[in-house]
Each structure stands twice: as C-alpha cells, then as structure tokens.
Amino acid sequence: MEVGLNHFLTVSVALFSLGLYGVVTRKNAVMVLMGVELILNSANINFVAFSRFGNFGIDGQLYALFVIILAAAEAAIALAIVLNIYKTFVNVNIDEINNLKE
C-alpha cells in the first residue's frame, strides 16, 4: 500500500480538528496557543503534500518553512504576553482576565 495524498489530508484534518477543539474549548491561554500550533502544523502538512503530489517543485516546502518561522515568532511573543499576564493577574485563564481594558 502506497501513502497517497488522501492519507496526508486525513492526518491534516485530524490535526486541524484537534487544534480547533483546543482553541474553542480551552480556557487556559497556553492550551489555546498549543491549539493554534496544531492548526499551523496541519497547514504545513497540506503545503508539503500538495507540493509533492501536485508537482509544484519546492514551493510547498518553502511555504512550510515560512509558516514554521512565523509559528516560532508567534509562540515567543505569545508566551511573553502570557507571562506578563500571569505576573499581573496570577492567572492565565482567558475568561477571568477581563481587566485588560483598564
């Protein structure tokens, strides 16, 4: 049995679904960030799979590399924000942090 495009898309859909579930249902900011990372990884799988099976050359790998760099920068900035929120409110639950407007 050969691994084809459908297999990659199935794994990508599973990762995207888990990431979306994590973003929508979790109240902890770190867990929401982990959900966003899963969603970005599912996009990377799609880029690479369509590049491989669509004969697009290395464009998909270049886009995936760009998304990985973007995700690393996003994670660093978001974790710095979460640490400042924890230092200020001693809590990282998204629902309980509504004093940011003041």
Protein backbone atom coordinates (compact mmCIF):
# COMPACT_ATOMS: atom_id res chain seq x y z
CA MET A 1 0.00 0.00 0.00
CA GLU A 2 1.35 3.37 -1.00
CA VAL A 3 0.90 6.52 1.04
CA GLY A 4 -1.00 9.00 -1.09
CA LEU A 5 -2.45 12.47 -0.89
CA ASN A 6 -5.59 11.24 0.87
CA HIS A 7 -3.54 9.95 3.78
CA PHE A 8 -1.80 13.27 4.25
CA LEU A 9 -5.10 15.13 4.05
CA THR A 10 -6.66 12.79 6.63
CA VAL A 11 -3.84 13.45 9.09
CA SER A 12 -4.09 17.17 8.37
CA VAL A 13 -7.84 17.21 9.01
CA ALA A 14 -7.33 15.33 12.28
CA LEU A 15 -4.69 17.82 13.44
CA PHE A 16 -6.80 20.78 12.38
CA SER A 17 -9.85 19.39 14.21
CA LEU A 18 -7.86 18.81 17.39
CA GLY A 19 -6.36 22.29 17.18
CA LEU A 20 -9.73 23.91 16.60
CA TYR A 21 -11.21 21.97 19.51
CA GLY A 22 -8.32 23.15 21.70
CA VAL A 23 -8.79 26.78 20.72
CA VAL A 24 -12.56 26.81 21.17
CA THR A 25 -12.94 24.81 24.38
CA ARG A 26 -9.89 25.60 26.49
CA LYS A 27 -9.78 28.45 28.96
CA ASN A 28 -6.06 28.29 29.63
CA ALA A 29 -4.05 30.61 27.39
CA VAL A 30 -1.20 28.13 26.99
CA MET A 31 -3.59 25.43 25.79
CA VAL A 32 -5.10 27.86 23.27
CA LEU A 33 -1.59 28.56 21.95
CA MET A 34 -0.99 24.83 21.60
CA GLY A 35 -4.21 24.57 19.58
CA VAL A 36 -3.02 27.34 17.27
CA GLU A 37 0.27 25.48 16.78
CA LEU A 38 -1.64 22.32 15.81
CA ILE A 39 -3.63 24.30 13.25
CA LEU A 40 -0.42 25.74 11.77
CA ASN A 41 1.15 22.26 11.61
CA SER A 42 -1.88 20.93 9.74
CA ALA A 43 -1.41 23.75 7.21
CA ASN A 44 2.25 22.73 6.86
CA ILE A 45 1.26 19.15 6.10
CA ASN A 46 -1.09 20.43 3.40
CA PHE A 47 1.60 22.64 1.86
CA VAL A 48 4.12 19.82 1.67
CA ALA A 49 1.60 17.21 0.48
CA PHE A 50 0.21 19.37 -2.30
CA SER A 51 3.73 20.35 -3.30
CA ARG A 52 4.73 16.68 -3.52
CA PHE A 53 1.67 15.30 -5.27
CA GLY A 54 0.86 18.37 -7.35
CA ASN A 55 4.33 18.68 -8.90
CA PHE A 56 4.79 22.26 -7.74
CA GLY A 57 8.51 21.87 -7.05
CA ILE A 58 9.78 23.12 -3.74
CA ASP A 59 7.23 25.92 -3.31
CA GLY A 60 5.26 23.97 -0.69
CA GLN A 61 8.37 23.30 1.36
CA LEU A 62 9.32 26.98 1.23
CA TYR A 63 5.85 27.99 2.39
CA ALA A 64 6.01 25.41 5.18
CA LEU A 65 9.40 26.77 6.27
CA PHE A 66 7.94 30.28 6.33
CA VAL A 67 5.00 29.07 8.46
CA ILE A 68 7.41 27.34 10.87
CA ILE A 69 9.37 30.57 11.28
CA LEU A 70 6.14 32.51 11.75
CA ALA A 71 4.92 29.98 14.35
CA ALA A 72 8.18 30.25 16.31
CA ALA A 73 7.93 34.04 16.41
CA GLU A 74 4.25 33.84 17.36
CA ALA A 75 4.99 31.38 20.16
CA ALA A 76 7.78 33.54 21.59
CA ILE A 77 5.68 36.71 21.59
CA ALA A 78 2.56 34.97 22.87
CA LEU A 79 4.41 33.27 25.72
CA ALA A 80 5.92 36.62 26.73
CA ILE A 81 2.42 38.09 26.81
CA VAL A 82 1.13 35.13 28.84
CA LEU A 83 3.99 35.51 31.35
CA ASN A 84 3.19 39.23 31.78
CA ILE A 85 -0.48 38.40 32.26
CA TYR A 86 0.43 35.80 34.87
CA LYS A 87 2.72 38.27 36.63
CA THR A 88 -0.06 40.87 36.74
CA PHE A 89 -3.14 38.73 37.47
CA VAL A 90 -1.60 35.49 38.87
CA ASN A 91 -3.89 33.63 36.48
CA VAL A 92 -3.78 32.62 32.81
CA ASN A 93 -7.44 31.70 32.32
CA ILE A 94 -8.82 33.64 29.38
CA ASP A 95 -12.30 34.03 30.87
CA GLU A 96 -11.06 35.59 34.11
CA ILE A 97 -8.78 38.17 32.51
CA ASN A 98 -11.18 40.93 31.52
CA ASN A 99 -9.37 43.80 33.25
CA LEU A 100 -7.01 44.38 30.33
CA LYS A 101 -9.19 47.26 29.12
CA GLU A 102 -8.47 49.32 32.22
